Amino acid sequence: MQFLTSGPTGPAEIPTQLSALTRLTERQRAVALLVGDGMSNGEIPAQLFVSDATVKSHLTTVLGRLGVRSRPELAILVNSTARQF
Protein backbone atom coordinates (compact mmCIF):
# COMPACT_ATOMS: atom_id res chain seq x y z
CA MET A 1 0.00 0.00 0.00
CA GLN A 2 2.79 2.40 0.81
CA PHE A 3 4.19 2.02 -2.71
CA LEU A 4 0.81 2.83 -4.25
CA THR A 5 0.12 5.85 -2.07
CA SER A 6 3.54 7.48 -2.09
CA GLY A 7 4.62 6.68 -5.65
CA PRO A 8 8.05 5.46 -6.58
CA THR A 9 11.00 7.76 -6.09
CA GLY A 10 13.63 5.36 -7.37
CA PRO A 11 14.24 1.82 -8.58
CA ALA A 12 14.58 0.46 -5.04
CA GLU A 13 10.87 1.10 -4.42
CA ILE A 14 9.62 -0.86 -7.43
CA PRO A 15 8.03 -4.15 -6.28
CA THR A 16 10.24 -7.17 -6.96
CA GLN A 17 7.66 -8.93 -9.15
CA LEU A 18 7.12 -5.90 -11.36
CA SER A 19 10.86 -5.36 -11.65
CA ALA A 20 11.34 -9.00 -12.66
CA LEU A 21 8.68 -8.74 -15.38
CA THR A 22 10.45 -5.80 -16.93
CA ARG A 23 13.70 -7.79 -17.00
CA LEU A 24 12.19 -10.52 -19.19
CA THR A 25 13.09 -10.50 -22.84
CA GLU A 26 10.33 -9.75 -25.31
CA ARG A 27 10.02 -13.44 -26.22
CA GLN A 28 10.03 -14.57 -22.59
CA ARG A 29 7.30 -12.05 -21.83
CA ALA A 30 5.30 -13.33 -24.84
CA VAL A 31 5.54 -16.90 -23.53
CA ALA A 32 4.52 -15.76 -20.03
CA LEU A 33 1.53 -13.84 -21.41
CA LEU A 34 0.39 -16.87 -23.40
CA VAL A 35 0.64 -19.02 -20.26
CA GLY A 36 -1.47 -16.35 -18.56
CA ASP A 37 -4.00 -16.72 -21.38
CA GLY A 38 -4.23 -20.44 -20.59
CA MET A 39 -2.27 -21.83 -23.53
CA SER A 40 -0.47 -25.15 -23.12
CA ASN A 41 3.15 -25.93 -23.96
CA GLY A 42 1.84 -27.58 -27.11
CA GLU A 43 -0.11 -24.52 -28.26
CA ILE A 44 2.51 -21.84 -27.58
CA PRO A 45 5.08 -22.96 -30.22
CA ALA A 46 2.50 -22.72 -33.00
CA GLN A 47 1.50 -19.23 -31.85
CA LEU A 48 5.10 -17.94 -31.69
CA PHE A 49 6.59 -20.07 -34.51
CA VAL A 50 9.24 -21.62 -32.25
CA SER A 51 10.06 -25.17 -31.18
CA ASP A 52 8.71 -26.99 -28.13
CA ALA A 53 12.22 -26.99 -26.67
CA THR A 54 12.45 -23.20 -27.03
CA VAL A 55 9.17 -22.73 -25.16
CA LYS A 56 10.31 -25.05 -22.38
CA SER A 57 13.59 -23.18 -22.12
CA HIS A 58 11.84 -19.82 -21.94
CA LEU A 59 9.44 -21.14 -19.30
CA THR A 60 12.27 -22.45 -17.15
CA THR A 61 13.99 -19.06 -17.32
CA VAL A 62 10.78 -17.13 -16.67
CA LEU A 63 9.84 -19.24 -13.65
CA GLY A 64 13.30 -18.73 -12.19
CA ARG A 65 13.45 -15.00 -12.81
CA LEU A 66 9.99 -14.40 -11.39
CA GLY A 67 10.50 -16.71 -8.44
CA VAL A 68 7.43 -18.84 -9.10
CA ARG A 69 7.32 -22.62 -8.93
CA SER A 70 4.59 -23.60 -11.38
CA ARG A 71 2.59 -22.63 -14.44
CA PRO A 72 -0.51 -21.80 -12.35
CA GLU A 73 1.55 -19.44 -10.18
CA LEU A 74 2.97 -17.87 -13.34
CA ALA A 75 -0.52 -17.40 -14.80
CA ILE A 76 -1.72 -15.73 -11.60
CA LEU A 77 1.30 -13.44 -11.51
CA VAL A 78 0.97 -12.52 -15.17
CA ASN A 79 -2.73 -11.80 -14.89
CA SER A 80 -2.28 -9.66 -11.80
CA THR A 81 0.77 -7.63 -12.85
CA ALA A 82 1.82 -7.97 -16.48
CA ARG A 83 -1.39 -6.56 -17.92
CA GLN A 84 -0.37 -3.19 -16.49
CA PHE A 85 2.24 -2.74 -19.26
PDB file of N, CA and C in Angstrom:
ATOM      1  N   MET A   1       0.821  -1.185   0.000  1.00  0.00           N
ATOM      2  CA  MET A   1       0.000   0.000   0.000  1.00  0.00           C
ATOM      3  C   MET A   1       0.866   1.250   0.000  1.00  0.00           C
ATOM      4  N   GLN A   2       1.949   1.231   0.741  1.00  0.00           N
ATOM      5  CA  GLN A   2       2.793   2.403   0.813  1.00  0.00           C
ATOM      6  C   GLN A   2       3.338   2.768  -0.567  1.00  0.00           C
ATOM      7  N   PHE A   3       3.700   1.769  -1.355  1.00  0.00           N
ATOM      8  CA  PHE A   3       4.192   2.021  -2.707  1.00  0.00           C
ATOM      9  C   PHE A   3       3.136   2.719  -3.552  1.00  0.00           C
ATOM     10  N   LEU A   4       1.889   2.262  -3.436  1.00  0.00           N
ATOM     11  CA  LEU A   4       0.814   2.831  -4.247  1.00  0.00           C
ATOM     12  C   LEU A   4       0.455   4.243  -3.828  1.00  0.00           C
ATOM     13  N   THR A   5       0.528   4.526  -2.542  1.00  0.00           N
ATOM     14  CA  THR A   5       0.120   5.849  -2.067  1.00  0.00           C
ATOM     15  C   THR A   5       1.211   6.892  -2.178  1.00  0.00           C
ATOM     16  N   SER A   6       2.463   6.490  -2.051  1.00  0.00           N
ATOM     17  CA  SER A   6       3.537   7.475  -2.086  1.00  0.00           C
ATOM     18  C   SER A   6       4.146   7.637  -3.473  1.00  0.00           C
ATOM     19  N   GLY A   7       4.013   6.630  -4.324  1.00  0.00           N
ATOM     20  CA  GLY A   7       4.616   6.681  -5.649  1.00  0.00           C
ATOM     21  C   GLY A   7       6.101   6.386  -5.575  1.00  0.00           C
ATOM     22  N   PRO A   8       6.638   5.809  -6.609  1.00  0.00           N
ATOM     23  CA  PRO A   8       8.052   5.456  -6.582  1.00  0.00           C
ATOM     24  C   PRO A   8       8.946   6.681  -6.715  1.00  0.00           C
ATOM     25  N   THR A   9      10.035   6.667  -5.977  1.00  0.00           N
ATOM     26  CA  THR A   9      11.005   7.755  -6.092  1.00  0.00           C
ATOM     27  C   THR A   9      12.312   7.237  -6.673  1.00  0.00           C
ATOM     28  N   GLY A  10      12.420   5.944  -6.812  1.00  0.00           N
ATOM     29  CA  GLY A  10      13.633   5.359  -7.371  1.00  0.00           C
ATOM     30  C   GLY A  10      13.443   3.878  -7.590  1.00  0.00           C
ATOM     31  N   PRO A  11      14.383   3.235  -8.263  1.00  0.00           N
ATOM     32  CA  PRO A  11      14.236   1.823  -8.583  1.00  0.00           C
ATOM     33  C   PRO A  11      14.126   0.908  -7.369  1.00  0.00           C
ATOM     34  N   ALA A  12      14.643   1.313  -6.227  1.00  0.00           N
ATOM     35  CA  ALA A  12      14.582   0.460  -5.043  1.00  0.00           C
ATOM     36  C   ALA A  12      13.151   0.290  -4.543  1.00  0.00           C
ATOM     37  N   GLU A  13      12.248   1.178  -4.902  1.00  0.00           N
ATOM     38  CA  GLU A  13      10.872   1.097  -4.420  1.00  0.00           C
ATOM     39  C   GLU A  13       9.960   0.323  -5.348  1.00  0.00           C
ATOM     40  N   ILE A  14      10.445  -0.101  -6.496  1.00  0.00           N
ATOM     41  CA  ILE A  14       9.617  -0.859  -7.428  1.00  0.00           C
ATOM     42  C   ILE A  14       9.463  -2.272  -6.881  1.00  0.00           C
ATOM     43  N   PRO A  15       8.222  -2.793  -6.793  1.00  0.00           N
ATOM     44  CA  PRO A  15       8.034  -4.149  -6.283  1.00  0.00           C
ATOM     45  C   PRO A  15       8.869  -5.165  -7.060  1.00  0.00           C
ATOM     46  N   THR A  16       9.371  -6.175  -6.365  1.00  0.00           N
ATOM     47  CA  THR A  16      10.243  -7.169  -6.963  1.00  0.00           C
ATOM     48  C   THR A  16       9.593  -7.856  -8.152  1.00  0.00           C
ATOM     49  N   GLN A  17       8.316  -8.232  -8.045  1.00  0.00           N
ATOM     50  CA  GLN A  17       7.659  -8.933  -9.147  1.00  0.00           C
ATOM     51  C   GLN A  17       7.576  -8.048 -10.386  1.00  0.00           C
ATOM     52  N   LEU A  18       7.218  -6.803 -10.225  1.00  0.00           N
ATOM     53  CA  LEU A  18       7.122  -5.904 -11.363  1.00  0.00           C
ATOM     54  C   LEU A  18       8.494  -5.705 -11.987  1.00  0.00           C
ATOM     55  N   SER A  19       9.499  -5.527 -11.161  1.00  0.00           N
ATOM     56  CA  SER A  19      10.858  -5.360 -11.648  1.00  0.00           C
ATOM     57  C   SER A  19      11.287  -6.590 -12.445  1.00  0.00           C
ATOM     58  N   ALA A  20      10.963  -7.761 -11.970  1.00  0.00           N
ATOM     59  CA  ALA A  20      11.335  -8.995 -12.663  1.00  0.00           C
ATOM     60  C   ALA A  20      10.654  -9.087 -14.016  1.00  0.00           C
ATOM     61  N   LEU A  21       9.390  -8.693 -14.101  1.00  0.00           N
ATOM     62  CA  LEU A  21       8.677  -8.745 -15.378  1.00  0.00           C
ATOM     63  C   LEU A  21       9.333  -7.845 -16.406  1.00  0.00           C
ATOM     64  N   THR A  22       9.823  -6.717 -15.984  1.00  0.00           N
ATOM     65  CA  THR A  22      10.445  -5.802 -16.929  1.00  0.00           C
ATOM     66  C   THR A  22      11.813  -6.296 -17.377  1.00  0.00           C
ATOM     67  N   ARG A  23      12.392  -7.241 -16.626  1.00  0.00           N
ATOM     68  CA  ARG A  23      13.695  -7.795 -17.004  1.00  0.00           C
ATOM     69  C   ARG A  23      13.584  -8.974 -17.944  1.00  0.00           C
ATOM     70  N   LEU A  24      12.361  -9.436 -18.238  1.00  0.00           N
ATOM     71  CA  LEU A  24      12.187 -10.524 -19.189  1.00  0.00           C
ATOM     72  C   LEU A  24      12.426 -10.005 -20.596  1.00  0.00           C
ATOM     73  N   THR A  25      12.949 -10.877 -21.439  1.00  0.00           N
ATOM     74  CA  THR A  25      13.087 -10.501 -22.839  1.00  0.00           C
ATOM     75  C   THR A  25      11.687 -10.434 -23.455  1.00  0.00           C
ATOM     76  N   GLU A  26      11.621  -9.854 -24.619  1.00  0.00           N
ATOM     77  CA  GLU A  26      10.331  -9.747 -25.308  1.00  0.00           C
ATOM     78  C   GLU A  26       9.712 -11.123 -25.540  1.00  0.00           C
ATOM     79  N   ARG A  27      10.521 -12.080 -25.940  1.00  0.00           N
ATOM     80  CA  ARG A  27      10.021 -13.438 -26.218  1.00  0.00           C
ATOM     81  C   ARG A  27       9.616 -14.144 -24.925  1.00  0.00           C
ATOM     82  N   GLN A  28      10.392 -13.979 -23.869  1.00  0.00           N
ATOM     83  CA  GLN A  28      10.028 -14.572 -22.586  1.00  0.00           C
ATOM     84  C   GLN A  28       8.714 -13.991 -22.084  1.00  0.00           C
ATOM     85  N   ARG A  29       8.538 -12.685 -22.244  1.00  0.00           N
ATOM     86  CA  ARG A  29       7.295 -12.048 -21.831  1.00  0.00           C
ATOM     87  C   ARG A  29       6.121 -12.564 -22.667  1.00  0.00           C
ATOM     88  N   ALA A  30       6.345 -12.791 -23.973  1.00  0.00           N
ATOM     89  CA  ALA A  30       5.298 -13.328 -24.839  1.00  0.00           C
ATOM     90  C   ALA A  30       4.876 -14.719 -24.365  1.00  0.00           C
ATOM     91  N   VAL A  31       5.853 -15.549 -24.029  1.00  0.00           N
ATOM     92  CA  VAL A  31       5.541 -16.898 -23.527  1.00  0.00           C
ATOM     93  C   VAL A  31       4.763 -16.790 -22.216  1.00  0.00           C
ATOM     94  N   ALA A  32       5.210 -15.923 -21.317  1.00  0.00           N
ATOM     95  CA  ALA A  32       4.518 -15.756 -20.031  1.00  0.00           C
ATOM     96  C   ALA A  32       3.092 -15.274 -20.236  1.00  0.00           C
ATOM     97  N   LEU A  33       2.877 -14.343 -21.148  1.00  0.00           N
ATOM     98  CA  LEU A  33       1.529 -13.840 -21.412  1.00  0.00           C
ATOM     99  C   LEU A  33       0.626 -14.930 -21.979  1.00  0.00           C
ATOM    100  N   LEU A  34       1.193 -15.780 -22.844  1.00  0.00           N
ATOM    101  CA  LEU A  34       0.391 -16.867 -23.399  1.00  0.00           C
ATOM    102  C   LEU A  34       0.050 -17.904 -22.328  1.00  0.00           C
ATOM    103  N   VAL A  35       0.954 -18.143 -21.402  1.00  0.00           N
ATOM    104  CA  VAL A  35       0.640 -19.016 -20.256  1.00  0.00           C
ATOM    105  C   VAL A  35      -0.491 -18.370 -19.458  1.00  0.00           C
ATOM    106  N   GLY A  36      -0.417 -17.068 -19.269  1.00  0.00           N
ATOM    107  CA  GLY A  36      -1.470 -16.349 -18.564  1.00  0.00           C
ATOM    108  C   GLY A  36      -2.808 -16.434 -19.268  1.00  0.00           C
ATOM    109  N   ASP A  37      -2.767 -16.564 -20.596  1.00  0.00           N
ATOM    110  CA  ASP A  37      -3.995 -16.715 -21.381  1.00  0.00           C
ATOM    111  C   ASP A  37      -4.520 -18.144 -21.369  1.00  0.00           C
ATOM    112  N   GLY A  38      -3.772 -19.053 -20.719  1.00  0.00           N
ATOM    113  CA  GLY A  38      -4.227 -20.435 -20.590  1.00  0.00           C
ATOM    114  C   GLY A  38      -3.732 -21.380 -21.665  1.00  0.00           C
ATOM    115  N   MET A  39      -2.784 -20.952 -22.477  1.00  0.00           N
ATOM    116  CA  MET A  39      -2.268 -21.833 -23.527  1.00  0.00           C
ATOM    117  C   MET A  39      -1.337 -22.883 -22.939  1.00  0.00           C
ATOM    118  N   SER A  40      -1.332 -24.056 -23.550  1.00  0.00           N
ATOM    119  CA  SER A  40      -0.473 -25.153 -23.116  1.00  0.00           C
ATOM    120  C   SER A  40       0.886 -25.061 -23.801  1.00  0.00           C
ATOM    121  N   ASN A  41       1.833 -25.876 -23.319  1.00  0.00           N
ATOM    122  CA  ASN A  41       3.151 -25.930 -23.958  1.00  0.00           C
ATOM    123  C   ASN A  41       3.041 -26.376 -25.412  1.00  0.00           C
ATOM    124  N   GLY A  42       2.030 -27.128 -25.743  1.00  0.00           N
ATOM    125  CA  GLY A  42       1.842 -27.580 -27.115  1.00  0.00           C
ATOM    126  C   GLY A  42       1.255 -26.514 -28.021  1.00  0.00           C
ATOM    127  N   GLU A  43       0.519 -25.577 -27.462  1.00  0.00           N
ATOM    128  CA  GLU A  43      -0.109 -24.516 -28.258  1.00  0.00           C
ATOM    129  C   GLU A  43       0.809 -23.312 -28.477  1.00  0.00           C
ATOM    130  N   ILE A  44       1.667 -23.031 -27.512  1.00  0.00           N
ATOM    131  CA  ILE A  44       2.514 -21.837 -27.578  1.00  0.00           C
ATOM    132  C   ILE A  44       3.480 -21.861 -28.769  1.00  0.00           C
ATOM    133  N   PRO A  45       4.149 -22.981 -29.070  1.00  0.00           N
ATOM    134  CA  PRO A  45       5.078 -22.965 -30.216  1.00  0.00           C
ATOM    135  C   PRO A  45       4.407 -22.581 -31.534  1.00  0.00           C
ATOM    136  N   ALA A  46       3.208 -23.057 -31.760  1.00  0.00           N
ATOM    137  CA  ALA A  46       2.498 -22.722 -32.997  1.00  0.00           C
ATOM    138  C   ALA A  46       2.161 -21.235 -33.060  1.00  0.00           C
ATOM    139  N   GLN A  47       1.850 -20.658 -31.923  1.00  0.00           N
ATOM    140  CA  GLN A  47       1.502 -19.232 -31.851  1.00  0.00           C
ATOM    141  C   GLN A  47       2.726 -18.350 -32.111  1.00  0.00           C
ATOM    142  N   LEU A  48       3.885 -18.762 -31.592  1.00  0.00           N
ATOM    143  CA  LEU A  48       5.096 -17.938 -31.687  1.00  0.00           C
ATOM    144  C   LEU A  48       6.069 -18.408 -32.775  1.00  0.00           C
ATOM    145  N   PHE A  49       5.739 -19.512 -33.450  1.00  0.00           N
ATOM    146  CA  PHE A  49       6.592 -20.066 -34.505  1.00  0.00           C
ATOM    147  C   PHE A  49       7.984 -20.419 -33.981  1.00  0.00           C
ATOM    148  N   VAL A  50       8.001 -21.125 -32.843  1.00  0.00           N
ATOM    149  CA  VAL A  50       9.237 -21.616 -32.248  1.00  0.00           C
ATOM    150  C   VAL A  50       9.057 -23.092 -31.917  1.00  0.00           C
ATOM    151  N   SER A  51      10.132 -23.748 -31.513  1.00  0.00           N
ATOM    152  CA  SER A  51      10.055 -25.175 -31.181  1.00  0.00           C
ATOM    153  C   SER A  51       9.541 -25.383 -29.754  1.00  0.00           C
ATOM    154  N   ASP A  52       9.125 -26.619 -29.490  1.00  0.00           N
ATOM    155  CA  ASP A  52       8.708 -26.993 -28.134  1.00  0.00           C
ATOM    156  C   ASP A  52       9.848 -26.775 -27.144  1.00  0.00           C
ATOM    157  N   ALA A  53      11.062 -27.132 -27.554  1.00  0.00           N
ATOM    158  CA  ALA A  53      12.224 -26.987 -26.670  1.00  0.00           C
ATOM    159  C   ALA A  53      12.479 -25.523 -26.329  1.00  0.00           C
ATOM    160  N   THR A  54      12.253 -24.634 -27.286  1.00  0.00           N
ATOM    161  CA  THR A  54      12.446 -23.205 -27.034  1.00  0.00           C
ATOM    162  C   THR A  54      11.445 -22.706 -26.007  1.00  0.00           C
ATOM    163  N   VAL A  55      10.198 -23.131 -26.122  1.00  0.00           N
ATOM    164  CA  VAL A  55       9.171 -22.726 -25.160  1.00  0.00           C
ATOM    165  C   VAL A  55       9.529 -23.241 -23.774  1.00  0.00           C
ATOM    166  N   LYS A  56       9.938 -24.491 -23.674  1.00  0.00           N
ATOM    167  CA  LYS A  56      10.315 -25.053 -22.379  1.00  0.00           C
ATOM    168  C   LYS A  56      11.491 -24.300 -21.775  1.00  0.00           C
ATOM    169  N   SER A  57      12.442 -23.940 -22.603  1.00  0.00           N
ATOM    170  CA  SER A  57      13.595 -23.183 -22.124  1.00  0.00           C
ATOM    171  C   SER A  57      13.171 -21.808 -21.609  1.00  0.00           C
ATOM    172  N   HIS A  58      12.336 -21.131 -22.377  1.00  0.00           N
ATOM    173  CA  HIS A  58      11.842 -19.822 -21.939  1.00  0.00           C
ATOM    174  C   HIS A  58      11.060 -19.940 -20.635  1.00  0.00           C
ATOM    175  N   LEU A  59      10.224 -20.962 -20.520  1.00  0.00           N
ATOM    176  CA  LEU A  59       9.437 -21.143 -19.301  1.00  0.00           C
ATOM    177  C   LEU A  59      10.330 -21.384 -18.089  1.00  0.00           C
ATOM    178  N   THR A  60      11.341 -22.190 -18.254  1.00  0.00           N
ATOM    179  CA  THR A  60      12.267 -22.447 -17.152  1.00  0.00           C
ATOM    180  C   THR A  60      12.920 -21.145 -16.696  1.00  0.00           C
ATOM    181  N   THR A  61      13.364 -20.339 -17.648  1.00  0.00           N
ATOM    182  CA  THR A  61      13.992 -19.062 -17.324  1.00  0.00           C
ATOM    183  C   THR A  61      13.001 -18.115 -16.661  1.00  0.00           C
ATOM    184  N   VAL A  62      11.802 -18.032 -17.207  1.00  0.00           N
ATOM    185  CA  VAL A  62      10.779 -17.126 -16.672  1.00  0.00           C
ATOM    186  C   VAL A  62      10.416 -17.515 -15.240  1.00  0.00           C
ATOM    187  N   LEU A  63      10.194 -18.793 -15.003  1.00  0.00           N
ATOM    188  CA  LEU A  63       9.843 -19.242 -13.655  1.00  0.00           C
ATOM    189  C   LEU A  63      10.943 -18.876 -12.663  1.00  0.00           C
ATOM    190  N   GLY A  64      12.184 -19.065 -13.069  1.00  0.00           N
ATOM    191  CA  GLY A  64      13.298 -18.730 -12.193  1.00  0.00           C
ATOM    192  C   GLY A  64      13.417 -17.235 -11.928  1.00  0.00           C
ATOM    193  N   ARG A  65      13.309 -16.445 -12.975  1.00  0.00           N
ATOM    194  CA  ARG A  65      13.448 -14.999 -12.810  1.00  0.00           C
ATOM    195  C   ARG A  65      12.321 -14.389 -11.984  1.00  0.00           C
ATOM    196  N   LEU A  66      11.131 -14.947 -12.123  1.00  0.00           N
ATOM    197  CA  LEU A  66       9.986 -14.396 -11.393  1.00  0.00           C
ATOM    198  C   LEU A  66       9.806 -15.032 -10.020  1.00  0.00           C
ATOM    199  N   GLY A  67      10.561 -16.078  -9.745  1.00  0.00           N
ATOM    200  CA  GLY A  67      10.495 -16.712  -8.439  1.00  0.00           C
ATOM    201  C   GLY A  67       9.204 -17.472  -8.189  1.00  0.00           C
ATOM    202  N   VAL A  68       8.630 -18.022  -9.253  1.00  0.00           N
ATOM    203  CA  VAL A  68       7.427 -18.840  -9.102  1.00  0.00           C
ATOM    204  C   VAL A  68       7.782 -20.293  -9.385  1.00  0.00           C
ATOM    205  N   ARG A  69       6.981 -21.208  -8.838  1.00  0.00           N
ATOM    206  CA  ARG A  69       7.315 -22.623  -8.928  1.00  0.00           C
ATOM    207  C   ARG A  69       6.524 -23.400  -9.955  1.00  0.00           C
ATOM    208  N   SER A  70       5.444 -22.824 -10.483  1.00  0.00           N
ATOM    209  CA  SER A  70       4.593 -23.600 -11.381  1.00  0.00           C
ATOM    210  C   SER A  70       3.895 -22.709 -12.401  1.00  0.00           C
ATOM    211  N   ARG A  71       3.337 -23.360 -13.418  1.00  0.00           N
ATOM    212  CA  ARG A  71       2.587 -22.630 -14.443  1.00  0.00           C
ATOM    213  C   ARG A  71       1.375 -21.910 -13.849  1.00  0.00           C
ATOM    214  N   PRO A  72       0.615 -22.539 -12.938  1.00  0.00           N
ATOM    215  CA  PRO A  72      -0.508 -21.800 -12.349  1.00  0.00           C
ATOM    216  C   PRO A  72      -0.069 -20.537 -11.601  1.00  0.00           C
ATOM    217  N   GLU A  73       1.035 -20.626 -10.862  1.00  0.00           N
ATOM    218  CA  GLU A  73       1.549 -19.437 -10.179  1.00  0.00           C
ATOM    219  C   GLU A  73       1.960 -18.377 -11.190  1.00  0.00           C
ATOM    220  N   LEU A  74       2.575 -18.803 -12.290  1.00  0.00           N
ATOM    221  CA  LEU A  74       2.968 -17.869 -13.341  1.00  0.00           C
ATOM    222  C   LEU A  74       1.741 -17.194 -13.936  1.00  0.00           C
ATOM    223  N   ALA A  75       0.698 -17.971 -14.219  1.00  0.00           N
ATOM    224  CA  ALA A  75      -0.520 -17.404 -14.798  1.00  0.00           C
ATOM    225  C   ALA A  75      -1.144 -16.373 -13.862  1.00  0.00           C
ATOM    226  N   ILE A  76      -1.167 -16.671 -12.583  1.00  0.00           N
ATOM    227  CA  ILE A  76      -1.723 -15.728 -11.604  1.00  0.00           C
ATOM    228  C   ILE A  76      -0.895 -14.451 -11.572  1.00  0.00           C
ATOM    229  N   LEU A  77       0.416 -14.605 -11.533  1.00  0.00           N
ATOM    230  CA  LEU A  77       1.296 -13.445 -11.507  1.00  0.00           C
ATOM    231  C   LEU A  77       1.132 -12.598 -12.764  1.00  0.00           C
ATOM    232  N   VAL A  78       1.113 -13.242 -13.904  1.00  0.00           N
ATOM    233  CA  VAL A  78       0.968 -12.523 -15.170  1.00  0.00           C
ATOM    234  C   VAL A  78      -0.358 -11.774 -15.216  1.00  0.00           C
ATOM    235  N   ASN A  79      -1.422 -12.430 -14.817  1.00  0.00           N
ATOM    236  CA  ASN A  79      -2.729 -11.796 -14.895  1.00  0.00           C
ATOM    237  C   ASN A  79      -2.931 -10.704 -13.863  1.00  0.00           C
ATOM    238  N   SER A  80      -2.136 -10.707 -12.814  1.00  0.00           N
ATOM    239  CA  SER A  80      -2.281  -9.661 -11.799  1.00  0.00           C
ATOM    240  C   SER A  80      -1.319  -8.493 -12.000  1.00  0.00           C
ATOM    241  N   THR A  81      -0.199  -8.715 -12.710  1.00  0.00           N
ATOM    242  CA  THR A  81       0.773  -7.631 -12.845  1.00  0.00           C
ATOM    243  C   THR A  81       1.132  -7.274 -14.271  1.00  0.00           C
ATOM    244  N   ALA A  82       1.290  -8.242 -15.140  1.00  0.00           N
ATOM    245  CA  ALA A  82       1.818  -7.971 -16.481  1.00  0.00           C
ATOM    246  C   ALA A  82       0.850  -7.175 -17.333  1.00  0.00           C
ATOM    247  N   ARG A  83      -0.410  -7.259 -17.082  1.00  0.00           N
ATOM    248  CA  ARG A  83      -1.391  -6.565 -17.918  1.00  0.00           C
ATOM    249  C   ARG A  83      -1.333  -5.053 -17.709  1.00  0.00           C
ATOM    250  N   GLN A  84      -0.522  -4.610 -16.751  1.00  0.00           N
ATOM    251  CA  GLN A  84      -0.368  -3.185 -16.494  1.00  0.00           C
ATOM    252  C   GLN A  84       0.538  -2.515 -17.514  1.00  0.00           C
ATOM    253  N   PHE A  85       1.283  -3.302 -18.307  1.00  0.00           N
ATOM    254  CA  PHE A  85       2.238  -2.736 -19.263  1.00  0.00           C
ATOM    255  C   PHE A  85       1.537  -2.207 -20.485  1.00  0.00           C
TER     256      PHE A  85
END
